[in-house]
Amino acid sequence: MADQEAARHRAAVLGSPIAHSLSPVLHRAAYAKLGLTDWSYGAHEVDESRIGAFLDSLGPRGGERAEGGWRGLSLTMPLKRAVIPHLDGITETAASVEAVNTVVFTEDGRRTGDNTDIPGMVAALRERGAGTVESAAVLGAGATASSALAALARVCTGDITAYVRSAARAHEMKGWGERLGVRVRVADWAEADEAFRAQLVVATTPAGATDGLADAVPDHPGTLFDVLYDPWPTPLAAAWAARGGTVVGGLDLLVHQAVLQVEQMTGVTAAPLAAMREAGEAALAAR
């Protein structure tokens, strides 16, 4: 792979903290498989207070695009909303949840923001045979939960129940449901084991938050989408799989959204999903 300074085309992931990110592993695996020897992908520690200055330091085109320079950025927390005022425009998908995880420097010098988490979730579900469900539940109500609702708007034909810990979170999830055009019922976290009656359960909570629910998994569960990938499997995912349910993990999401990023940044029509997943699995196994 090309040296970071010598590479003709550059991309990177930004966030804070960023050392844990698997994005460099996935994108570099894609470049290697595609033979993009003059591309590099790095990681930069950038928080909300520095995102504007970082983008400005890249120039209006991230460097002269015709001669190379910066082609795109991946964004993780806490930048997905903070970056929006510094962009020239965002896609309808990103606007639907007010969150950007991808910035592409276009030929006309614009900074365009997109959200590949939402179609990445849909693709990960379809890969596991859960492209359409009649009922769904969401555990949690953070930023990832809004993307989960947007994805469920594309795959769930019935009602969605969100299990939350506070009245404020309940209000927030109802608001996202109205904005996204999906019917969302909110329930107290104390009733979270009721979520397992749904055909699809999406766990969007931090590590450890669902551990206490592992014993409540029924004998014949549907599909669990647990967005965590490290540590993996979570106790909930392990119990789900042990009872014969379908499990979609955070690495599945990470790989599918990264595939879309690679395609947008490089212009290739089909990023190497299998090679990227293999690289991600190897990196996690080495931790």
Protein backbone atom coordinates (compact mmCIF):
# COMPACT_ATOMS: atom_id res chain seq x y z
CA MET A 1 0.00 0.00 0.00
CA ALA A 2 1.20 3.48 -0.81
CA ASP A 3 2.90 5.53 1.87
CA GLN A 4 0.56 8.08 3.49
CA GLU A 5 2.57 11.04 2.23
CA ALA A 6 3.42 9.64 -1.20
CA ALA A 7 -0.06 8.33 -2.05
CA ARG A 8 -1.76 10.06 -4.96
CA HIS A 9 -5.23 9.58 -3.48
CA ARG A 10 -5.94 9.86 0.22
CA ALA A 11 -8.81 9.02 2.56
CA ALA A 12 -9.12 8.62 6.32
CA VAL A 13 -11.41 8.09 9.27
CA LEU A 14 -11.90 10.91 11.79
CA GLY A 15 -13.22 10.74 15.34
CA SER A 16 -12.39 10.86 19.00
CA PRO A 17 -11.31 8.39 20.25
CA ILE A 18 -10.12 6.83 17.00
CA ALA A 19 -7.43 4.26 17.87
CA HIS A 20 -10.01 1.45 18.09
CA SER A 21 -11.43 2.03 14.60
CA LEU A 22 -11.45 -0.88 12.15
CA SER A 23 -12.04 1.43 9.18
CA PRO A 24 -8.36 1.59 8.14
CA VAL A 25 -8.20 -2.22 8.13
CA LEU A 26 -11.32 -2.52 5.97
CA HIS A 27 -10.51 0.23 3.48
CA ARG A 28 -6.88 -0.83 3.06
CA ALA A 29 -8.02 -4.41 2.44
CA ALA A 30 -10.31 -3.11 -0.28
CA TYR A 31 -7.51 -1.08 -1.88
CA ALA A 32 -5.20 -4.10 -1.86
CA LYS A 33 -7.82 -6.38 -3.43
CA LEU A 34 -8.68 -3.78 -6.07
CA GLY A 35 -5.05 -3.06 -6.91
CA LEU A 36 -5.33 0.60 -5.88
CA THR A 37 -1.65 0.90 -5.02
CA ASP A 38 -1.67 4.72 -5.10
CA TRP A 39 -4.38 5.03 -2.45
CA SER A 40 -3.84 5.45 1.29
CA TYR A 41 -6.24 5.44 4.24
CA GLY A 42 -5.33 6.81 7.65
CA ALA A 43 -6.89 7.69 11.00
CA HIS A 44 -6.94 11.11 12.66
CA GLU A 45 -7.98 12.08 16.17
CA VAL A 46 -10.44 14.94 15.61
CA ASP A 47 -13.20 16.15 17.93
CA GLU A 48 -16.11 18.57 17.42
CA SER A 49 -14.01 21.63 18.11
CA ARG A 50 -11.49 20.77 15.39
CA ILE A 51 -13.57 19.32 12.55
CA GLY A 52 -14.02 22.63 10.73
CA ALA A 53 -10.32 23.48 10.86
CA PHE A 54 -9.37 19.97 9.75
CA LEU A 55 -11.61 20.18 6.69
CA ASP A 56 -10.35 23.65 5.84
CA SER A 57 -6.76 22.39 6.05
CA LEU A 58 -7.51 20.00 3.19
CA GLY A 59 -8.42 22.85 0.84
CA PRO A 60 -11.66 23.38 -1.11
CA ARG A 61 -11.21 20.11 -2.97
CA GLY A 62 -9.28 18.28 -0.33
CA GLY A 63 -6.29 19.16 -2.50
CA GLU A 64 -6.52 19.38 -6.29
CA ARG A 65 -8.63 16.35 -7.19
CA ALA A 66 -7.27 16.18 -10.75
CA GLU A 67 -3.81 15.72 -9.28
CA GLY A 68 -4.85 13.45 -6.48
CA GLY A 69 -5.18 14.69 -2.93
CA TRP A 70 -7.99 13.86 -0.57
CA ARG A 71 -10.94 11.92 -1.93
CA GLY A 72 -13.04 11.14 1.11
CA LEU A 73 -13.47 10.84 4.85
CA SER A 74 -15.22 8.38 7.14
CA LEU A 75 -16.65 9.87 10.33
CA THR A 76 -17.32 8.24 13.65
CA MET A 77 -18.48 9.69 16.96
CA PRO A 78 -18.66 12.50 17.92
CA LEU A 79 -18.56 14.01 14.44
CA LYS A 80 -21.61 12.65 12.63
CA ARG A 81 -23.73 15.69 13.41
CA ALA A 82 -20.99 18.20 14.19
CA VAL A 83 -19.64 18.00 10.61
CA ILE A 84 -22.88 19.05 8.90
CA PRO A 85 -22.42 22.86 9.16
CA HIS A 86 -19.02 22.50 7.47
CA LEU A 87 -20.35 20.72 4.36
CA ASP A 88 -21.71 22.10 1.09
CA GLY A 89 -24.58 19.63 1.08
CA ILE A 90 -25.82 16.31 2.41
CA THR A 91 -27.85 13.53 0.85
CA GLU A 92 -31.49 12.85 1.61
CA THR A 93 -30.46 9.74 3.55
CA ALA A 94 -28.13 11.72 5.81
CA ALA A 95 -30.70 14.48 6.25
CA SER A 96 -33.34 11.98 7.36
CA VAL A 97 -31.39 11.28 10.58
CA GLU A 98 -29.25 14.43 10.71
CA ALA A 99 -26.10 12.32 10.71
CA VAL A 100 -23.19 12.04 8.27
CA ASN A 101 -20.63 9.24 8.36
CA THR A 102 -19.15 9.80 4.90
CA VAL A 103 -17.72 12.89 3.20
CA VAL A 104 -16.77 12.82 -0.46
CA PHE A 105 -14.86 15.57 -2.22
CA THR A 106 -16.58 15.96 -5.60
CA GLU A 107 -15.15 17.00 -8.94
CA ASP A 108 -16.67 20.48 -8.63
CA GLY A 109 -14.93 21.10 -5.32
CA ARG A 110 -17.88 20.45 -3.02
CA ARG A 111 -17.86 18.59 0.28
CA THR A 112 -20.84 16.25 0.16
CA GLY A 113 -22.02 14.30 3.17
CA ASP A 114 -23.82 10.95 3.13
CA ASN A 115 -24.90 8.28 5.61
CA THR A 116 -23.93 4.73 4.63
CA ASP A 117 -24.92 3.31 8.02
CA ILE A 118 -28.59 3.13 6.99
CA PRO A 119 -28.18 1.25 3.67
CA GLY A 120 -25.40 -0.72 5.36
CA MET A 121 -27.87 -1.96 7.98
CA VAL A 122 -30.38 -2.90 5.29
CA ALA A 123 -27.72 -4.77 3.29
CA ALA A 124 -26.50 -6.63 6.37
CA LEU A 125 -30.05 -7.73 7.20
CA ARG A 126 -30.74 -8.85 3.65
CA GLU A 127 -27.53 -10.87 3.61
CA ARG A 128 -28.89 -12.84 6.57
CA GLY A 129 -32.34 -13.30 5.05
CA ALA A 130 -34.11 -10.57 7.01
CA GLY A 131 -34.91 -8.24 4.15
CA THR A 132 -38.60 -7.97 5.13
CA VAL A 133 -40.19 -8.43 8.56
CA GLU A 134 -43.65 -7.78 9.97
CA SER A 135 -42.55 -6.63 13.43
CA ALA A 136 -39.42 -5.12 14.94
CA ALA A 137 -38.06 -3.83 18.23
CA VAL A 138 -35.23 -1.43 19.00
CA LEU A 139 -33.26 -1.60 22.23
CA GLY A 140 -31.90 1.84 23.08
CA ALA A 141 -32.49 5.36 21.86
CA GLY A 142 -29.15 6.94 21.00
CA ALA A 143 -27.79 8.17 17.68
CA THR A 144 -27.52 4.62 16.31
CA ALA A 145 -31.19 4.02 17.17
CA SER A 146 -32.29 6.76 14.78
CA SER A 147 -30.34 5.10 11.96
CA ALA A 148 -31.90 1.78 12.97
CA LEU A 149 -35.37 3.31 12.63
CA ALA A 150 -34.46 4.64 9.19
CA ALA A 151 -33.28 1.18 8.15
CA LEU A 152 -36.40 -0.45 9.61
CA ALA A 153 -38.51 1.94 7.57
CA ARG A 154 -37.18 0.03 4.56
CA VAL A 155 -37.60 -3.52 5.87
CA CYS A 156 -40.42 -3.58 8.45
CA THR A 157 -44.02 -3.63 7.26
CA GLY A 158 -45.61 -3.37 10.73
CA ASP A 159 -45.17 -1.54 13.99
CA ILE A 160 -41.85 -0.93 15.71
CA THR A 161 -41.41 -0.83 19.49
CA ALA A 162 -38.52 1.06 21.06
CA TYR A 163 -37.44 0.15 24.60
CA VAL A 164 -35.95 3.16 26.38
CA ARG A 165 -34.82 4.23 29.85
CA SER A 166 -36.36 7.71 30.18
CA ALA A 167 -39.28 9.89 29.16
CA ALA A 168 -36.88 12.14 27.26
CA ARG A 169 -35.63 9.21 25.19
CA ALA A 170 -39.21 8.10 24.57
CA HIS A 171 -40.08 11.53 23.25
CA GLU A 172 -36.98 11.51 21.06
CA MET A 173 -37.81 8.15 19.49
CA LYS A 174 -41.40 9.16 18.83
CA GLY A 175 -40.09 12.24 17.09
CA TRP A 176 -37.75 10.22 14.90
CA GLY A 177 -40.59 7.87 14.03
CA GLU A 178 -42.78 10.77 12.90
CA ARG A 179 -39.95 12.25 10.89
CA LEU A 180 -39.13 8.95 9.20
CA GLY A 181 -42.74 7.97 8.59
CA VAL A 182 -42.70 4.83 10.73
CA ARG A 183 -45.09 3.82 13.51
CA VAL A 184 -43.08 3.72 16.73
CA ARG A 185 -44.46 2.60 20.08
CA VAL A 186 -42.23 3.28 23.08
CA ALA A 187 -41.97 1.04 26.13
CA ASP A 188 -40.00 1.15 29.36
CA TRP A 189 -36.63 -0.59 29.49
CA ALA A 190 -37.95 -2.69 32.38
CA GLU A 191 -40.08 -4.50 29.78
CA ALA A 192 -37.21 -5.03 27.34
CA ASP A 193 -37.54 -8.81 27.39
CA GLU A 194 -40.87 -8.32 25.60
CA ALA A 195 -38.84 -7.15 22.60
CA PHE A 196 -37.94 -10.74 21.84
CA ARG A 197 -41.45 -11.44 20.59
CA ALA A 198 -40.66 -9.37 17.48
CA GLN A 199 -39.36 -10.96 14.29
CA LEU A 200 -36.38 -8.60 14.34
CA VAL A 201 -34.65 -7.06 17.35
CA VAL A 202 -32.03 -4.33 16.88
CA ALA A 203 -29.77 -3.73 19.89
CA THR A 204 -28.18 -0.28 19.66
CA THR A 205 -26.95 -0.01 23.25
CA PRO A 206 -23.37 0.24 24.61
CA ALA A 207 -21.40 -2.80 25.69
CA GLY A 208 -22.91 -4.49 28.73
CA ALA A 209 -26.32 -2.84 28.52
CA THR A 210 -28.13 -5.94 27.25
CA ASP A 211 -26.16 -8.58 29.15
CA GLY A 212 -28.94 -8.98 31.68
CA LEU A 213 -31.40 -9.90 28.94
CA ALA A 214 -29.50 -12.97 27.71
CA ASP A 215 -31.44 -15.36 29.94
CA ALA A 216 -34.75 -14.05 28.56
CA VAL A 217 -34.08 -15.13 24.95
CA PRO A 218 -36.94 -17.48 23.93
CA ASP A 219 -36.48 -21.00 22.59
CA HIS A 220 -37.21 -20.03 18.98
CA PRO A 221 -36.07 -16.42 18.47
CA GLY A 222 -36.21 -14.52 15.20
CA THR A 223 -33.34 -12.25 14.09
CA LEU A 224 -31.08 -10.21 16.35
CA PHE A 225 -29.05 -7.33 14.96
CA ASP A 226 -26.54 -6.38 17.65
CA VAL A 227 -24.54 -3.38 16.45
CA LEU A 228 -21.56 -4.09 18.74
CA TYR A 229 -18.49 -5.85 17.34
CA ASP A 230 -15.93 -5.69 20.14
CA PRO A 231 -16.20 -7.62 22.37
CA TRP A 232 -17.97 -10.27 20.30
CA PRO A 233 -20.13 -12.14 20.69
CA THR A 234 -22.07 -10.25 23.34
CA PRO A 235 -23.85 -12.42 25.92
CA LEU A 236 -27.14 -11.59 24.22
CA ALA A 237 -25.84 -12.57 20.77
CA ALA A 238 -24.34 -15.79 22.14
CA ALA A 239 -27.61 -16.77 23.83
CA TRP A 240 -29.54 -15.89 20.69
CA ALA A 241 -27.37 -18.08 18.48
CA ALA A 242 -27.45 -20.93 21.02
CA ARG A 243 -31.24 -20.98 20.74
CA GLY A 244 -31.14 -21.17 16.96
CA GLY A 245 -31.83 -17.55 16.12
CA THR A 246 -30.24 -15.57 13.30
CA VAL A 247 -27.60 -13.10 14.48
CA VAL A 248 -26.33 -10.08 12.56
CA GLY A 249 -23.36 -8.39 14.22
CA GLY A 250 -21.69 -5.04 14.30
CA LEU A 251 -18.91 -6.22 12.00
CA ASP A 252 -21.55 -7.03 9.38
CA LEU A 253 -22.76 -3.44 9.60
CA LEU A 254 -19.26 -2.02 9.61
CA VAL A 255 -18.25 -3.96 6.51
CA HIS A 256 -21.39 -3.19 4.52
CA GLN A 257 -21.26 0.54 5.24
CA ALA A 258 -17.53 0.55 4.43
CA VAL A 259 -18.22 -1.14 1.09
CA LEU A 260 -20.47 1.79 0.17
CA GLN A 261 -17.83 4.28 1.32
CA VAL A 262 -15.12 2.65 -0.78
CA GLU A 263 -17.39 2.73 -3.82
CA GLN A 264 -18.24 6.41 -3.33
CA MET A 265 -14.69 7.53 -2.67
CA THR A 266 -12.89 5.49 -5.35
CA GLY A 267 -15.59 5.21 -8.01
CA VAL A 268 -15.41 1.41 -8.20
CA THR A 269 -18.72 -0.33 -8.83
CA ALA A 270 -18.25 -3.29 -6.49
CA ALA A 271 -16.01 -3.14 -3.44
CA PRO A 272 -14.64 -6.54 -2.27
CA LEU A 273 -17.01 -7.40 0.59
CA ALA A 274 -15.48 -10.80 1.37
CA ALA A 275 -11.91 -9.52 1.54
CA MET A 276 -12.95 -6.63 3.77
CA ARG A 277 -14.85 -8.90 6.14
CA GLU A 278 -11.94 -11.34 6.33
CA ALA A 279 -9.57 -8.49 7.20
CA GLY A 280 -11.95 -7.22 9.88
CA GLU A 281 -12.33 -10.65 11.44
CA ALA A 282 -8.56 -11.13 11.53
CA ALA A 283 -8.04 -7.75 13.15
CA LEU A 284 -10.63 -8.46 15.84
CA ALA A 285 -9.14 -11.91 16.51
CA ALA A 286 -5.75 -10.31 17.07
CA ARG A 287 -7.00 -7.91 19.72
